[in-house]
Amino acid sequence: MVKGNKHIIALYAIVIIAAVILIGWIWRSVKTSHVEVEADQHIDITPQQIQSIKAIGEWEFLAISDEEMVDTIRRGIFTDDQLVRIYYGTMRLGINLKQVESGWISVNEDTLDITLPQIGLLDKDFIDEARTKSFFESGTWTAKDRETMMRRAYQRMLQRGLTPQNIETARQNGEAQVRQVMQGMGFKQVKIQYKD
C-alpha cells in the first residue's frame, strides 16, 4: 500500500511539474507576443463616388445679376422714333462636371487630386425676357429691332459680368465648395486645380 502511494505521489508530482511548465510557457508567450493595430492612411475613391460627383452636372460658383438700359433712335423727316428698354439678367459662372476628362480625379498617397474644367458661363440665355421693360417707346418697332437691342444688352452684360475678377472669385468659391464636399466624404487632403 505504501508502494502504491509512492506511485500516485510521483504521478501527481509529474503532473504538477508538467502543469507548471505549461503555465510558464503560456505566460511567457503571452507576455512576449506583440499585437499592433495600425490605421490605414491610404485613401481610395470608388467608381460610385466618382459617378455621384459627376452626376451633379452643372455646379454654380458665382451668380452675377445685372440690369442694362439700351436705347435706340430712328431719325425721321418730321419726328424721331425712340425706344428705351431695360433688360435684366443673371449670369451664372461655374463648371459642368460632364466635361471632365479621364483621370480628372485621382489619389496620390494621402491626397485626392482633382482637375476641374475651366470656369464658364453655365447658361448662355441669361436675359430674363419676362422682366424686360420698355422704359420709353415712340413710333413703331419690329421684333427684329427689339432683337437687335437685346443682343446689345447681352454683349454689355457679358462685358460687365465676365471680368477676370469675377472669374477668379468663381474659381475660389469653386475650390472651397469642392473641397468641402470631398472632406464631407472623408477625404482630408484635397488638391484642386483647373484645366488649362
N, C-alpha and C. Protein backbone atom coordinates (compact mmCIF):
# COMPACT_ATOMS: atom_id res chain seq x y z
N MET A 1 0.82 -1.18 0.00
CA MET A 1 0.00 0.00 0.00
C MET A 1 0.86 1.23 0.00
N VAL A 2 1.99 1.18 0.73
CA VAL A 2 2.90 2.32 0.75
C VAL A 2 3.52 2.48 -0.62
N LYS A 3 3.81 1.30 -1.26
CA LYS A 3 4.42 1.35 -2.58
C LYS A 3 3.46 1.98 -3.57
N GLY A 4 2.16 1.72 -3.49
CA GLY A 4 1.15 2.29 -4.39
C GLY A 4 1.02 3.78 -4.20
N ASN A 5 1.17 4.23 -2.95
CA ASN A 5 1.08 5.67 -2.67
C ASN A 5 2.25 6.40 -3.28
N LYS A 6 3.41 5.74 -3.29
CA LYS A 6 4.58 6.38 -3.87
C LYS A 6 4.37 6.62 -5.36
N HIS A 7 3.76 5.66 -6.02
CA HIS A 7 3.49 5.83 -7.46
C HIS A 7 2.49 6.96 -7.71
N ILE A 8 1.50 7.02 -6.87
CA ILE A 8 0.49 8.08 -7.02
C ILE A 8 1.12 9.44 -6.75
N ILE A 9 1.95 9.51 -5.71
CA ILE A 9 2.62 10.77 -5.37
C ILE A 9 3.56 11.16 -6.52
N ALA A 10 4.28 10.22 -7.09
CA ALA A 10 5.19 10.50 -8.20
C ALA A 10 4.40 10.96 -9.43
N LEU A 11 3.26 10.34 -9.64
CA LEU A 11 2.41 10.73 -10.76
C LEU A 11 1.88 12.16 -10.57
N TYR A 12 1.45 12.46 -9.35
CA TYR A 12 0.99 13.82 -9.05
C TYR A 12 2.12 14.84 -9.24
N ALA A 13 3.31 14.47 -8.83
CA ALA A 13 4.46 15.37 -8.96
C ALA A 13 4.75 15.64 -10.43
N ILE A 14 4.68 14.60 -11.24
CA ILE A 14 4.93 14.77 -12.68
C ILE A 14 3.85 15.67 -13.30
N VAL A 15 2.61 15.42 -12.92
CA VAL A 15 1.51 16.24 -13.44
C VAL A 15 1.67 17.69 -13.00
N ILE A 16 2.03 17.93 -11.76
CA ILE A 16 2.20 19.30 -11.24
C ILE A 16 3.37 19.98 -11.95
N ILE A 17 4.48 19.26 -12.13
CA ILE A 17 5.65 19.84 -12.82
C ILE A 17 5.28 20.16 -14.27
N ALA A 18 4.56 19.26 -14.93
CA ALA A 18 4.14 19.49 -16.32
C ALA A 18 3.20 20.69 -16.39
N ALA A 19 2.30 20.82 -15.43
CA ALA A 19 1.35 21.94 -15.40
C ALA A 19 2.09 23.26 -15.20
N VAL A 20 3.08 23.26 -14.29
CA VAL A 20 3.87 24.48 -14.04
C VAL A 20 4.64 24.86 -15.29
N ILE A 21 5.23 23.88 -15.95
CA ILE A 21 5.99 24.16 -17.19
C ILE A 21 5.05 24.71 -18.26
N LEU A 22 3.87 24.08 -18.41
CA LEU A 22 2.90 24.52 -19.40
C LEU A 22 2.42 25.94 -19.10
N ILE A 23 2.09 26.24 -17.86
CA ILE A 23 1.64 27.59 -17.47
C ILE A 23 2.76 28.59 -17.70
N GLY A 24 3.98 28.22 -17.37
CA GLY A 24 5.12 29.11 -17.59
C GLY A 24 5.33 29.40 -19.07
N TRP A 25 5.20 28.38 -19.89
CA TRP A 25 5.38 28.56 -21.34
C TRP A 25 4.27 29.45 -21.91
N ILE A 26 3.02 29.23 -21.49
CA ILE A 26 1.90 30.08 -21.95
C ILE A 26 2.11 31.52 -21.48
N TRP A 27 2.49 31.69 -20.24
CA TRP A 27 2.70 33.03 -19.69
C TRP A 27 3.80 33.77 -20.46
N ARG A 28 4.88 33.09 -20.74
CA ARG A 28 5.98 33.71 -21.45
C ARG A 28 5.57 34.06 -22.89
N SER A 29 4.81 33.23 -23.58
CA SER A 29 4.42 33.52 -24.96
C SER A 29 3.40 34.66 -25.01
N VAL A 30 2.52 34.73 -24.01
CA VAL A 30 1.56 35.84 -23.97
C VAL A 30 2.29 37.15 -23.68
N LYS A 31 3.23 37.09 -22.76
CA LYS A 31 3.96 38.29 -22.35
C LYS A 31 4.87 38.80 -23.47
N THR A 32 5.47 37.91 -24.25
CA THR A 32 6.39 38.35 -25.30
C THR A 32 5.71 38.60 -26.63
N SER A 33 4.47 38.11 -26.81
CA SER A 33 3.80 38.37 -28.09
C SER A 33 3.38 39.84 -28.14
N HIS A 34 3.40 40.39 -29.34
CA HIS A 34 3.14 41.82 -29.53
C HIS A 34 2.04 41.98 -30.57
N VAL A 35 0.97 42.59 -30.14
CA VAL A 35 -0.13 42.84 -31.06
C VAL A 35 -0.10 44.32 -31.40
N GLU A 36 -0.12 44.62 -32.69
CA GLU A 36 -0.05 46.02 -33.13
C GLU A 36 -1.23 46.32 -34.03
N VAL A 37 -1.92 47.40 -33.71
CA VAL A 37 -3.04 47.86 -34.53
C VAL A 37 -2.58 49.14 -35.21
N GLU A 38 -2.69 49.16 -36.53
CA GLU A 38 -2.22 50.32 -37.28
C GLU A 38 -3.32 50.80 -38.20
N ALA A 39 -3.55 52.10 -38.22
CA ALA A 39 -4.58 52.68 -39.09
C ALA A 39 -4.05 52.77 -40.51
N ASP A 40 -4.88 52.43 -41.46
CA ASP A 40 -4.52 52.53 -42.86
C ASP A 40 -4.70 53.98 -43.30
N GLN A 41 -3.62 54.64 -43.62
CA GLN A 41 -3.67 56.04 -44.01
C GLN A 41 -3.92 56.21 -45.51
N HIS A 42 -3.98 55.12 -46.24
CA HIS A 42 -4.20 55.19 -47.68
C HIS A 42 -5.68 55.44 -47.96
N ILE A 43 -5.96 56.37 -48.86
CA ILE A 43 -7.35 56.65 -49.21
C ILE A 43 -7.63 56.15 -50.61
N ASP A 44 -8.86 55.78 -50.83
CA ASP A 44 -9.30 55.33 -52.14
C ASP A 44 -10.60 56.03 -52.47
N ILE A 45 -10.82 56.30 -53.74
CA ILE A 45 -12.11 56.81 -54.18
C ILE A 45 -12.71 55.77 -55.10
N THR A 46 -13.96 55.47 -54.85
CA THR A 46 -14.61 54.39 -55.59
C THR A 46 -15.23 54.93 -56.88
N PRO A 47 -15.44 54.06 -57.85
CA PRO A 47 -16.12 54.50 -59.08
C PRO A 47 -17.52 55.06 -58.80
N GLN A 48 -18.19 54.52 -57.78
CA GLN A 48 -19.52 55.03 -57.44
C GLN A 48 -19.43 56.47 -56.95
N GLN A 49 -18.40 56.78 -56.16
CA GLN A 49 -18.24 58.15 -55.68
C GLN A 49 -17.95 59.09 -56.86
N ILE A 50 -17.13 58.64 -57.79
CA ILE A 50 -16.81 59.47 -58.96
C ILE A 50 -18.08 59.74 -59.76
N GLN A 51 -18.90 58.71 -59.97
CA GLN A 51 -20.15 58.89 -60.71
C GLN A 51 -21.10 59.83 -60.00
N SER A 52 -21.19 59.72 -58.67
CA SER A 52 -22.11 60.60 -57.94
C SER A 52 -21.65 62.05 -58.01
N ILE A 53 -20.35 62.27 -58.06
CA ILE A 53 -19.84 63.65 -58.19
C ILE A 53 -20.15 64.17 -59.59
N LYS A 54 -19.90 63.34 -60.62
CA LYS A 54 -20.18 63.76 -62.00
C LYS A 54 -21.67 64.02 -62.21
N ALA A 55 -22.50 63.30 -61.48
CA ALA A 55 -23.96 63.44 -61.64
C ALA A 55 -24.46 64.81 -61.20
N ILE A 56 -23.63 65.54 -60.47
CA ILE A 56 -24.03 66.89 -60.07
C ILE A 56 -24.29 67.73 -61.31
N GLY A 57 -23.53 67.46 -62.38
CA GLY A 57 -23.73 68.20 -63.64
C GLY A 57 -23.14 69.59 -63.55
N GLU A 58 -23.99 70.59 -63.74
CA GLU A 58 -23.53 71.97 -63.66
C GLU A 58 -23.44 72.38 -62.19
N TRP A 59 -22.31 73.00 -61.86
CA TRP A 59 -22.08 73.40 -60.48
C TRP A 59 -21.81 74.90 -60.49
N GLU A 60 -22.73 75.66 -59.96
CA GLU A 60 -22.63 77.12 -59.95
C GLU A 60 -21.77 77.60 -58.79
N PHE A 61 -20.83 78.49 -59.10
CA PHE A 61 -19.94 79.03 -58.07
C PHE A 61 -20.16 80.53 -57.85
N LEU A 62 -20.77 81.22 -58.83
CA LEU A 62 -20.99 82.65 -58.69
C LEU A 62 -22.14 83.07 -59.59
N ALA A 63 -23.07 83.87 -59.03
CA ALA A 63 -24.18 84.41 -59.81
C ALA A 63 -24.04 85.93 -59.84
N ILE A 64 -24.13 86.50 -61.03
CA ILE A 64 -23.98 87.94 -61.21
C ILE A 64 -25.26 88.47 -61.82
N SER A 65 -25.99 89.26 -61.05
CA SER A 65 -27.22 89.87 -61.56
C SER A 65 -26.87 91.22 -62.16
N ASP A 66 -27.51 91.52 -63.28
CA ASP A 66 -27.21 92.78 -63.98
C ASP A 66 -28.50 93.35 -64.55
N GLU A 67 -28.43 94.63 -64.76
CA GLU A 67 -29.53 95.38 -65.35
C GLU A 67 -28.91 96.32 -66.37
N GLU A 68 -29.46 96.31 -67.56
CA GLU A 68 -28.86 97.11 -68.63
C GLU A 68 -29.95 97.88 -69.36
N MET A 69 -29.71 99.19 -69.49
CA MET A 69 -30.64 100.02 -70.25
C MET A 69 -30.05 100.26 -71.63
N VAL A 70 -30.86 99.98 -72.67
CA VAL A 70 -30.41 100.13 -74.06
C VAL A 70 -31.43 101.02 -74.77
N ASP A 71 -30.90 101.96 -75.53
CA ASP A 71 -31.82 102.82 -76.28
C ASP A 71 -31.40 102.89 -77.74
N THR A 72 -32.35 103.22 -78.56
CA THR A 72 -32.09 103.39 -79.98
C THR A 72 -33.01 104.49 -80.51
N ILE A 73 -32.50 105.20 -81.49
CA ILE A 73 -33.27 106.29 -82.11
C ILE A 73 -33.28 106.06 -83.61
N ARG A 74 -34.45 106.24 -84.20
CA ARG A 74 -34.58 106.16 -85.65
C ARG A 74 -35.01 107.56 -86.11
N ARG A 75 -34.12 108.19 -86.87
CA ARG A 75 -34.37 109.56 -87.33
C ARG A 75 -35.41 109.56 -88.44
N GLY A 76 -36.37 110.45 -88.31
CA GLY A 76 -37.40 110.60 -89.32
C GLY A 76 -37.36 112.01 -89.92
N ILE A 77 -38.22 112.24 -90.87
CA ILE A 77 -38.27 113.56 -91.51
C ILE A 77 -38.85 114.59 -90.55
N PHE A 78 -39.97 114.26 -89.95
CA PHE A 78 -40.62 115.22 -89.06
C PHE A 78 -40.38 114.91 -87.58
N THR A 79 -40.32 113.63 -87.25
CA THR A 79 -40.09 113.24 -85.85
C THR A 79 -39.11 112.08 -85.81
N ASP A 80 -38.57 111.86 -84.65
CA ASP A 80 -37.68 110.73 -84.42
C ASP A 80 -38.43 109.68 -83.59
N ASP A 81 -38.21 108.43 -83.95
CA ASP A 81 -38.77 107.34 -83.14
C ASP A 81 -37.69 106.94 -82.14
N GLN A 82 -38.13 106.65 -80.92
CA GLN A 82 -37.16 106.29 -79.88
C GLN A 82 -37.68 105.10 -79.09
N LEU A 83 -36.76 104.21 -78.75
CA LEU A 83 -37.11 103.05 -77.94
C LEU A 83 -36.02 102.88 -76.87
N VAL A 84 -36.46 102.84 -75.62
CA VAL A 84 -35.56 102.63 -74.49
C VAL A 84 -36.10 101.44 -73.71
N ARG A 85 -35.27 100.43 -73.56
CA ARG A 85 -35.69 99.22 -72.85
C ARG A 85 -34.70 98.88 -71.74
N ILE A 86 -35.21 98.27 -70.68
CA ILE A 86 -34.37 97.82 -69.57
C ILE A 86 -34.40 96.29 -69.55
N TYR A 87 -33.21 95.71 -69.57
CA TYR A 87 -33.05 94.26 -69.59
C TYR A 87 -32.46 93.81 -68.25
N TYR A 88 -32.95 92.66 -67.77
CA TYR A 88 -32.45 92.07 -66.52
C TYR A 88 -31.91 90.69 -66.83
N GLY A 89 -30.82 90.35 -66.19
CA GLY A 89 -30.25 89.03 -66.40
C GLY A 89 -29.39 88.59 -65.23
N THR A 90 -29.22 87.29 -65.12
CA THR A 90 -28.34 86.72 -64.09
C THR A 90 -27.39 85.75 -64.77
N MET A 91 -26.12 86.11 -64.76
CA MET A 91 -25.08 85.24 -65.32
C MET A 91 -24.59 84.31 -64.23
N ARG A 92 -24.56 83.03 -64.54
CA ARG A 92 -24.14 82.03 -63.56
C ARG A 92 -22.82 81.43 -64.03
N LEU A 93 -21.79 81.62 -63.20
CA LEU A 93 -20.46 81.10 -63.53
C LEU A 93 -20.21 79.83 -62.74
N GLY A 94 -19.63 78.84 -63.40
CA GLY A 94 -19.33 77.58 -62.73
C GLY A 94 -18.71 76.60 -63.70
N ILE A 95 -18.88 75.33 -63.39
CA ILE A 95 -18.32 74.27 -64.22
C ILE A 95 -19.41 73.26 -64.55
N ASN A 96 -19.17 72.53 -65.63
CA ASN A 96 -20.05 71.42 -65.99
C ASN A 96 -19.24 70.15 -65.80
N LEU A 97 -19.60 69.35 -64.80
CA LEU A 97 -18.84 68.15 -64.48
C LEU A 97 -18.96 67.06 -65.55
N LYS A 98 -19.86 67.25 -66.49
CA LYS A 98 -19.94 66.29 -67.59
C LYS A 98 -18.81 66.54 -68.60
N GLN A 99 -18.08 67.64 -68.43
CA GLN A 99 -16.96 67.95 -69.33
C GLN A 99 -15.62 67.50 -68.77
N VAL A 100 -15.62 66.82 -67.62
CA VAL A 100 -14.34 66.39 -67.06
C VAL A 100 -13.72 65.33 -67.96
N GLU A 101 -12.39 65.29 -67.96
CA GLU A 101 -11.66 64.34 -68.79
C GLU A 101 -11.24 63.14 -67.97
N SER A 102 -10.85 62.09 -68.64
CA SER A 102 -10.41 60.87 -67.98
C SER A 102 -9.25 61.20 -67.03
N GLY A 103 -9.30 60.62 -65.86
CA GLY A 103 -8.24 60.85 -64.86
C GLY A 103 -8.37 62.18 -64.14
N TRP A 104 -9.52 62.81 -64.21
CA TRP A 104 -9.72 64.12 -63.58
C TRP A 104 -9.67 64.07 -62.06
N ILE A 105 -9.86 62.87 -61.52
CA ILE A 105 -9.79 62.70 -60.07
C ILE A 105 -8.93 61.48 -59.79
N SER A 106 -7.94 61.64 -58.92
CA SER A 106 -7.03 60.52 -58.63
C SER A 106 -6.52 60.65 -57.21
N VAL A 107 -5.97 59.55 -56.72
CA VAL A 107 -5.41 59.52 -55.37
C VAL A 107 -3.91 59.44 -55.49
N ASN A 108 -3.21 60.31 -54.77
CA ASN A 108 -1.76 60.33 -54.74
C ASN A 108 -1.35 60.26 -53.27
N GLU A 109 -0.97 59.07 -52.80
CA GLU A 109 -0.67 58.80 -51.39
C GLU A 109 -1.88 59.19 -50.53
N ASP A 110 -1.76 60.23 -49.71
CA ASP A 110 -2.88 60.60 -48.83
C ASP A 110 -3.66 61.80 -49.36
N THR A 111 -3.45 62.16 -50.64
CA THR A 111 -4.08 63.36 -51.20
C THR A 111 -4.98 63.00 -52.37
N LEU A 112 -6.14 63.63 -52.41
CA LEU A 112 -7.06 63.48 -53.53
C LEU A 112 -6.78 64.63 -54.49
N ASP A 113 -6.34 64.31 -55.71
CA ASP A 113 -6.04 65.32 -56.74
C ASP A 113 -7.24 65.44 -57.68
N ILE A 114 -7.71 66.68 -57.87
CA ILE A 114 -8.87 66.93 -58.72
C ILE A 114 -8.52 67.99 -59.75
N THR A 115 -8.80 67.72 -61.03
CA THR A 115 -8.63 68.70 -62.09
C THR A 115 -10.01 69.00 -62.65
N LEU A 116 -10.46 70.23 -62.44
CA LEU A 116 -11.79 70.66 -62.87
C LEU A 116 -11.73 71.35 -64.22
N PRO A 117 -12.85 71.34 -64.96
CA PRO A 117 -12.89 72.10 -66.22
C PRO A 117 -12.80 73.60 -65.91
N GLN A 118 -12.51 74.38 -66.93
CA GLN A 118 -12.43 75.84 -66.76
C GLN A 118 -13.79 76.41 -66.35
N ILE A 119 -13.73 77.49 -65.58
CA ILE A 119 -14.93 78.22 -65.20
C ILE A 119 -15.53 78.82 -66.47
N GLY A 120 -16.83 78.73 -66.58
CA GLY A 120 -17.50 79.30 -67.75
C GLY A 120 -18.92 79.71 -67.42
N LEU A 121 -19.57 80.28 -68.40
CA LEU A 121 -20.96 80.70 -68.29
C LEU A 121 -21.83 79.44 -68.43
N LEU A 122 -22.63 79.14 -67.41
CA LEU A 122 -23.41 77.91 -67.43
C LEU A 122 -24.62 78.00 -68.34
N ASP A 123 -25.22 79.18 -68.45
CA ASP A 123 -26.41 79.34 -69.28
C ASP A 123 -26.22 80.56 -70.16
N LYS A 124 -26.18 80.34 -71.45
CA LYS A 124 -25.97 81.46 -72.37
C LYS A 124 -27.22 82.31 -72.56
N ASP A 125 -28.39 81.79 -72.21
CA ASP A 125 -29.64 82.55 -72.29
C ASP A 125 -29.97 83.11 -70.91
N PHE A 126 -29.17 84.05 -70.46
CA PHE A 126 -29.32 84.55 -69.10
C PHE A 126 -30.21 85.79 -68.98
N ILE A 127 -30.63 86.37 -70.08
CA ILE A 127 -31.52 87.54 -70.01
C ILE A 127 -32.94 87.06 -69.73
N ASP A 128 -33.55 87.64 -68.73
CA ASP A 128 -34.92 87.29 -68.34
C ASP A 128 -35.87 88.16 -69.16
N GLU A 129 -36.35 87.62 -70.27
CA GLU A 129 -37.20 88.40 -71.17
C GLU A 129 -38.53 88.77 -70.54
N ALA A 130 -38.99 87.98 -69.58
CA ALA A 130 -40.26 88.29 -68.91
C ALA A 130 -40.15 89.58 -68.08
N ARG A 131 -38.95 89.89 -67.62
CA ARG A 131 -38.75 91.09 -66.82
C ARG A 131 -38.34 92.30 -67.66
N THR A 132 -38.06 92.10 -68.94
CA THR A 132 -37.66 93.20 -69.81
C THR A 132 -38.80 94.20 -69.91
N LYS A 133 -38.46 95.48 -69.76
CA LYS A 133 -39.49 96.52 -69.78
C LYS A 133 -39.12 97.59 -70.80
N SER A 134 -40.16 98.11 -71.44
CA SER A 134 -39.96 99.29 -72.29
C SER A 134 -40.07 100.51 -71.39
N PHE A 135 -38.97 101.23 -71.27
CA PHE A 135 -38.95 102.41 -70.42
C PHE A 135 -39.59 103.59 -71.15
N PHE A 136 -39.28 103.69 -72.42
CA PHE A 136 -39.87 104.75 -73.25
C PHE A 136 -39.97 104.21 -74.68
N GLU A 137 -41.11 104.47 -75.31
CA GLU A 137 -41.29 103.97 -76.67
C GLU A 137 -42.14 104.96 -77.46
N SER A 138 -41.59 105.39 -78.58
CA SER A 138 -42.36 106.22 -79.51
C SER A 138 -42.11 105.70 -80.92
N GLY A 139 -43.14 105.67 -81.72
CA GLY A 139 -43.01 105.14 -83.08
C GLY A 139 -43.33 103.66 -83.11
N THR A 140 -43.07 103.04 -84.24
CA THR A 140 -43.36 101.62 -84.45
C THR A 140 -42.05 100.86 -84.56
N TRP A 141 -41.95 99.77 -83.78
CA TRP A 141 -40.72 98.97 -83.74
C TRP A 141 -41.06 97.52 -84.03
N THR A 142 -40.21 96.87 -84.79
CA THR A 142 -40.43 95.46 -85.18
C THR A 142 -39.75 94.52 -84.18
N ALA A 143 -40.08 93.24 -84.32
CA ALA A 143 -39.44 92.22 -83.49
C ALA A 143 -37.94 92.17 -83.77
N LYS A 144 -37.54 92.44 -85.01
CA LYS A 144 -36.11 92.45 -85.36
C LYS A 144 -35.39 93.60 -84.65
N ASP A 145 -36.04 94.77 -84.56
CA ASP A 145 -35.45 95.90 -83.83
C ASP A 145 -35.23 95.55 -82.36
N ARG A 146 -36.22 94.90 -81.78
CA ARG A 146 -36.13 94.52 -80.36
C ARG A 146 -35.04 93.46 -80.16
N GLU A 147 -34.92 92.56 -81.12
CA GLU A 147 -33.88 91.52 -81.05
C GLU A 147 -32.49 92.15 -81.11
N THR A 148 -32.32 93.15 -81.96
CA THR A 148 -31.04 93.85 -82.07
C THR A 148 -30.69 94.53 -80.75
N MET A 149 -31.68 95.14 -80.11
CA MET A 149 -31.44 95.78 -78.82
C MET A 149 -31.07 94.76 -77.75
N MET A 150 -31.74 93.62 -77.79
CA MET A 150 -31.44 92.59 -76.79
C MET A 150 -30.02 92.07 -76.97
N ARG A 151 -29.55 91.91 -78.20
CA ARG A 151 -28.17 91.48 -78.44
C ARG A 151 -27.18 92.51 -77.90
N ARG A 152 -27.50 93.79 -78.04
CA ARG A 152 -26.62 94.83 -77.48
C ARG A 152 -26.58 94.74 -75.96
N ALA A 153 -27.74 94.54 -75.34
CA ALA A 153 -27.79 94.38 -73.87
C ALA A 153 -26.99 93.15 -73.45
N TYR A 154 -27.12 92.08 -74.21
CA TYR A 154 -26.43 90.82 -73.92
C TYR A 154 -24.91 91.05 -73.92
N GLN A 155 -24.41 91.70 -74.95
CA GLN A 155 -22.96 91.94 -75.05
C GLN A 155 -22.47 92.83 -73.91
N ARG A 156 -23.24 93.84 -73.56
CA ARG A 156 -22.83 94.72 -72.45
C ARG A 156 -22.80 93.95 -71.13
N MET A 157 -23.79 93.10 -70.92
CA MET A 157 -23.82 92.30 -69.68
C MET A 157 -22.63 91.36 -69.62
N LEU A 158 -22.31 90.74 -70.76
CA LEU A 158 -21.14 89.85 -70.79
C LEU A 158 -19.87 90.62 -70.43
N GLN A 159 -19.71 91.82 -70.99
CA GLN A 159 -18.51 92.61 -70.71
C GLN A 159 -18.42 92.98 -69.23
N ARG A 160 -19.56 93.29 -68.63
CA ARG A 160 -19.54 93.67 -67.21
C ARG A 160 -19.48 92.47 -66.28
N GLY A 161 -19.98 91.33 -66.73
CA GLY A 161 -20.05 90.17 -65.84
C GLY A 161 -18.87 89.23 -65.93
N LEU A 162 -18.34 89.01 -67.13
CA LEU A 162 -17.24 88.06 -67.30
C LEU A 162 -15.89 88.75 -67.19
N THR A 163 -15.68 89.40 -66.08
CA THR A 163 -14.41 90.08 -65.83
C THR A 163 -13.42 89.10 -65.20
N PRO A 164 -12.13 89.37 -65.31
CA PRO A 164 -11.15 88.50 -64.65
C PRO A 164 -11.40 88.40 -63.14
N GLN A 165 -11.84 89.49 -62.51
CA GLN A 165 -12.10 89.46 -61.07
C GLN A 165 -13.25 88.50 -60.75
N ASN A 166 -14.33 88.55 -61.53
CA ASN A 166 -15.46 87.66 -61.27
C ASN A 166 -15.10 86.20 -61.53
N ILE A 167 -14.32 85.96 -62.56
CA ILE A 167 -13.89 84.58 -62.85
C ILE A 167 -13.01 84.05 -61.72
N GLU A 168 -12.11 84.89 -61.21
CA GLU A 168 -11.25 84.48 -60.10
C GLU A 168 -12.07 84.22 -58.83
N THR A 169 -13.07 85.06 -58.58
CA THR A 169 -13.95 84.83 -57.43
C THR A 169 -14.68 83.50 -57.57
N ALA A 170 -15.16 83.20 -58.78
CA ALA A 170 -15.83 81.93 -59.03
C ALA A 170 -14.88 80.76 -58.81
N ARG A 171 -13.63 80.90 -59.25
CA ARG A 171 -12.63 79.84 -59.05
C ARG A 171 -12.40 79.57 -57.57
N GLN A 172 -12.25 80.64 -56.80
CA GLN A 172 -12.01 80.49 -55.36
C GLN A 172 -13.23 79.86 -54.67
N ASN A 173 -14.43 80.33 -55.05
CA ASN A 173 -15.65 79.73 -54.49
C ASN A 173 -15.73 78.26 -54.86
N GLY A 174 -15.36 77.94 -56.10
CA GLY A 174 -15.40 76.56 -56.56
C GLY A 174 -14.46 75.67 -55.77
N GLU A 175 -13.24 76.14 -55.57
CA GLU A 175 -12.27 75.36 -54.79
C GLU A 175 -12.80 75.09 -53.39
N ALA A 176 -13.37 76.13 -52.75
CA ALA A 176 -13.89 75.97 -51.39
C ALA A 176 -15.05 74.98 -51.36
N GLN A 177 -15.97 75.08 -52.33
CA GLN A 177 -17.13 74.19 -52.34
C GLN A 177 -16.74 72.74 -52.62
N VAL A 178 -15.86 72.54 -53.61
CA VAL A 178 -15.43 71.18 -53.95
C VAL A 178 -14.67 70.57 -52.77
N ARG A 179 -13.79 71.34 -52.16
CA ARG A 179 -13.02 70.84 -51.01
C ARG A 179 -13.97 70.45 -49.87
N GLN A 180 -14.98 71.28 -49.62
CA GLN A 180 -15.93 70.98 -48.55
C GLN A 180 -16.69 69.68 -48.83
N VAL A 181 -17.12 69.48 -50.07
CA VAL A 181 -17.83 68.25 -50.43
C VAL A 181 -16.92 67.03 -50.24
N MET A 182 -15.67 67.13 -50.72
CA MET A 182 -14.75 66.00 -50.62
C MET A 182 -14.39 65.69 -49.17
N GLN A 183 -14.20 66.72 -48.38
CA GLN A 183 -13.90 66.49 -46.97
C GLN A 183 -15.11 65.89 -46.26
N GLY A 184 -16.30 66.27 -46.70
CA GLY A 184 -17.51 65.67 -46.15
C GLY A 184 -17.61 64.19 -46.49
N MET A 185 -16.98 63.78 -47.60
CA MET A 185 -16.95 62.37 -47.99
C MET A 185 -15.82 61.62 -47.30
N GLY A 186 -15.02 62.33 -46.49
CA GLY A 186 -13.96 61.68 -45.72
C GLY A 186 -12.55 61.88 -46.24
N PHE A 187 -12.36 62.66 -47.29
CA PHE A 187 -11.03 62.90 -47.83
C PHE A 187 -10.47 64.17 -47.18
N LYS A 188 -9.43 64.00 -46.37
CA LYS A 188 -8.89 65.13 -45.61
C LYS A 188 -8.00 66.05 -46.45
N GLN A 189 -7.13 65.46 -47.26
CA GLN A 189 -6.21 66.24 -48.08
C GLN A 189 -6.76 66.29 -49.51
N VAL A 190 -7.12 67.49 -49.96
CA VAL A 190 -7.70 67.65 -51.29
C VAL A 190 -6.94 68.75 -52.03
N LYS A 191 -6.43 68.40 -53.22
CA LYS A 191 -5.71 69.37 -54.05
C LYS A 191 -6.55 69.61 -55.30
N ILE A 192 -6.89 70.88 -55.56
CA ILE A 192 -7.79 71.23 -56.66
C ILE A 192 -7.07 72.15 -57.63
N GLN A 193 -7.23 71.86 -58.91
CA GLN A 193 -6.72 72.76 -59.94
C GLN A 193 -7.72 72.78 -61.10
N TYR A 194 -7.61 73.81 -61.92
CA TYR A 194 -8.49 73.92 -63.08
C TYR A 194 -7.69 73.58 -64.32
N LYS A 195 -8.37 72.95 -65.28
CA LYS A 195 -7.72 72.58 -66.54
C LYS A 195 -7.25 73.84 -67.26
N ASP A 196 -6.05 73.75 -67.84
CA ASP A 196 -5.51 74.90 -68.60
C ASP A 196 -6.22 75.07 -69.91
